[in-house]
Amino acid sequence: MKKEVFLAIAIGFILGLIITFGIWTANKSLKQLPTDGTLASASPSPETTPPPGTDQTPPPVPTGSQSGMELNITSPAEDSLNTTSSLTISGKTAALASVAVVAPSGEQVVEADSSGNFSAKVTLEGGYNFITITAVDSGGNSVTKELTATYTTQKI
């Protein structure tokens, strides 16, 4: 009887050590992953230098102020918490610009009035909703804004 108890304790101890070592190894390897979500390679890739005389800087991307367009979202506020599934997005942009509103539940295109005011109604899904609003004027200039709206059915 003592032999079986001793054997069971020894096997349990060895299994515990193996499991603990596995967890420790997994945690150690996860801590070494970069925070940007990319996987690190086992060996670093060699850095290549461009030949002299070549420009490797990417061209600048025009923002709203550089392209002459503005897009101001007046409603809702960023990171708004909503208890209804319907949300009206309103704002101001260039007069008669086309405004595309892309939400998880779908997308729609509305046209700003002669003052630049626009309004679009979207349906929210439960949880976080990442909404992209892009305005394009008749000259092809565009500006994009993103906002997050959260829909909850919980009583607050």
Protein backbone atom coordinates (compact mmCIF):
# COMPACT_ATOMS: atom_id res chain seq x y z
CA MET A 1 0.00 0.00 0.00
CA LYS A 2 2.80 2.42 0.84
CA LYS A 3 4.42 1.66 -2.50
CA GLU A 4 1.27 2.65 -4.47
CA VAL A 5 0.82 5.89 -2.51
CA PHE A 6 4.46 6.83 -2.99
CA LEU A 7 4.24 6.03 -6.73
CA ALA A 8 1.04 8.14 -7.10
CA ILE A 9 2.67 11.07 -5.31
CA ALA A 10 5.82 10.82 -7.45
CA ILE A 11 3.83 10.66 -10.71
CA GLY A 12 1.67 13.62 -9.61
CA PHE A 13 4.76 15.62 -8.70
CA ILE A 14 6.43 14.92 -12.07
CA LEU A 15 3.25 15.78 -13.99
CA GLY A 16 2.92 19.00 -11.99
CA LEU A 17 6.50 19.97 -12.84
CA ILE A 18 5.93 19.26 -16.56
CA ILE A 19 2.73 21.34 -16.64
CA THR A 20 4.36 24.18 -14.71
CA PHE A 21 7.32 24.19 -17.10
CA GLY A 22 4.95 24.27 -20.09
CA ILE A 23 3.04 27.24 -18.71
CA TRP A 24 6.25 29.08 -17.84
CA THR A 25 7.65 28.48 -21.35
CA ALA A 26 4.41 29.68 -22.99
CA ASN A 27 4.34 32.86 -20.89
CA LYS A 28 7.99 33.55 -21.64
CA SER A 29 7.49 33.19 -25.39
CA LEU A 30 4.33 35.34 -25.36
CA LYS A 31 6.14 38.16 -23.59
CA GLN A 32 8.70 38.22 -26.40
CA LEU A 33 6.08 38.96 -29.10
CA PRO A 34 6.10 42.56 -30.36
CA THR A 35 3.17 44.74 -29.32
CA ASP A 36 2.21 45.71 -32.88
CA GLY A 37 0.64 42.31 -33.54
CA THR A 38 3.25 41.02 -35.96
CA LEU A 39 5.13 37.83 -35.31
CA ALA A 40 8.84 38.08 -34.69
CA SER A 41 11.07 35.92 -36.84
CA ALA A 42 13.60 33.59 -35.27
CA SER A 43 16.50 35.39 -36.89
CA PRO A 44 16.57 39.09 -37.65
CA SER A 45 16.37 39.97 -41.31
CA PRO A 46 19.36 41.84 -42.66
CA GLU A 47 18.87 45.54 -43.19
CA THR A 48 19.17 46.57 -46.80
CA THR A 49 20.26 50.02 -47.75
CA PRO A 50 18.92 51.60 -50.91
CA PRO A 51 21.38 52.49 -53.64
CA PRO A 52 22.68 56.05 -53.45
CA GLY A 53 20.52 58.62 -55.15
CA THR A 54 17.18 56.85 -54.62
CA ASP A 55 14.54 58.42 -52.44
CA GLN A 56 12.83 55.90 -50.15
CA THR A 57 10.43 58.28 -48.39
CA PRO A 58 6.76 57.63 -49.16
CA PRO A 59 4.80 60.45 -50.76
CA PRO A 60 2.77 62.52 -48.31
CA VAL A 61 -0.89 61.62 -47.97
CA PRO A 62 -3.11 64.69 -47.98
CA THR A 63 -5.21 65.15 -44.88
CA GLY A 64 -8.41 67.11 -44.66
CA SER A 65 -6.70 70.43 -44.06
CA GLN A 66 -4.11 69.88 -46.84
CA SER A 67 -6.75 68.97 -49.45
CA GLY A 68 -8.87 71.97 -48.52
CA MET A 69 -11.73 69.84 -47.16
CA GLU A 70 -12.98 69.65 -43.63
CA LEU A 71 -15.20 67.06 -42.01
CA ASN A 72 -16.63 67.83 -38.59
CA ILE A 73 -18.80 65.25 -36.86
CA THR A 74 -21.25 67.08 -34.59
CA SER A 75 -23.17 64.04 -33.36
CA PRO A 76 -22.53 61.55 -31.80
CA ALA A 77 -19.49 62.15 -29.61
CA GLU A 78 -16.51 59.82 -30.00
CA ASP A 79 -16.82 56.66 -27.87
CA SER A 80 -20.50 57.30 -27.20
CA LEU A 81 -22.50 54.73 -25.24
CA ASN A 82 -25.94 54.08 -26.72
CA THR A 83 -28.91 52.16 -25.35
CA THR A 84 -30.81 52.19 -28.66
CA SER A 85 -29.74 50.40 -31.82
CA SER A 86 -30.47 53.40 -34.04
CA LEU A 87 -27.91 56.19 -34.26
CA THR A 88 -28.00 59.40 -36.30
CA ILE A 89 -24.62 60.67 -37.46
CA SER A 90 -24.59 64.33 -38.38
CA GLY A 91 -21.90 66.81 -39.24
CA LYS A 92 -20.64 69.49 -41.58
CA THR A 93 -18.38 69.29 -44.63
CA ALA A 94 -18.04 70.93 -48.03
CA ALA A 95 -21.26 72.04 -49.70
CA LEU A 96 -22.92 69.36 -51.86
CA ALA A 97 -20.21 66.81 -51.01
CA SER A 98 -21.02 63.10 -51.07
CA VAL A 99 -20.70 61.53 -47.64
CA ALA A 100 -20.25 57.77 -47.25
CA VAL A 101 -21.03 56.28 -43.84
CA VAL A 102 -19.76 52.74 -43.30
CA ALA A 103 -20.93 50.89 -40.19
CA PRO A 104 -20.80 47.18 -39.28
CA SER A 105 -24.49 46.83 -40.20
CA GLY A 106 -24.10 48.38 -43.65
CA GLU A 107 -23.18 51.49 -45.55
CA GLN A 108 -25.00 54.43 -47.08
CA VAL A 109 -24.18 57.50 -49.11
CA VAL A 110 -25.84 60.84 -48.40
CA GLU A 111 -25.30 64.25 -49.94
CA ALA A 112 -24.50 67.33 -47.90
CA ASP A 113 -26.81 70.29 -48.43
CA SER A 114 -25.75 73.69 -49.79
CA SER A 115 -24.44 74.63 -46.33
CA GLY A 116 -22.46 71.39 -46.01
CA ASN A 117 -24.70 69.83 -43.35
CA PHE A 118 -25.40 66.11 -43.58
CA SER A 119 -27.19 63.46 -41.55
CA ALA A 120 -27.26 59.67 -41.84
CA LYS A 121 -29.04 57.07 -39.74
CA VAL A 122 -27.20 53.81 -39.00
CA THR A 123 -28.16 50.68 -37.11
CA LEU A 124 -25.74 49.62 -34.40
CA GLU A 125 -24.80 46.05 -33.57
CA GLY A 126 -24.25 44.91 -29.99
CA GLY A 127 -20.88 45.96 -28.60
CA TYR A 128 -18.32 48.21 -30.25
CA ASN A 129 -19.20 49.70 -33.65
CA PHE A 130 -16.38 51.22 -35.67
CA ILE A 131 -17.90 53.73 -38.07
CA THR A 132 -16.02 55.36 -40.96
CA ILE A 133 -17.28 58.62 -42.48
CA THR A 134 -15.75 59.78 -45.77
CA ALA A 135 -16.66 63.00 -47.56
CA VAL A 136 -15.76 63.60 -51.22
CA ASP A 137 -16.34 66.92 -52.98
CA SER A 138 -16.90 67.54 -56.70
CA GLY A 139 -13.17 68.14 -57.21
CA GLY A 140 -12.28 64.66 -55.95
CA ASN A 141 -10.84 65.87 -52.64
CA SER A 142 -11.69 63.60 -49.75
CA VAL A 143 -11.39 63.45 -46.00
CA THR A 144 -12.11 60.52 -43.68
CA LYS A 145 -12.98 60.38 -39.99
CA GLU A 146 -13.52 57.35 -37.81
CA LEU A 147 -15.55 57.09 -34.65
CA THR A 148 -16.53 54.39 -32.22
CA ALA A 149 -20.03 53.98 -30.84
CA THR A 150 -20.98 51.30 -28.34
CA TYR A 151 -24.44 49.75 -28.22
CA THR A 152 -25.55 48.04 -25.03
CA THR A 153 -28.84 46.55 -23.91
CA GLN A 154 -27.86 46.72 -20.24
CA LYS A 155 -29.65 49.21 -18.03
CA ILE A 156 -27.32 51.96 -16.94
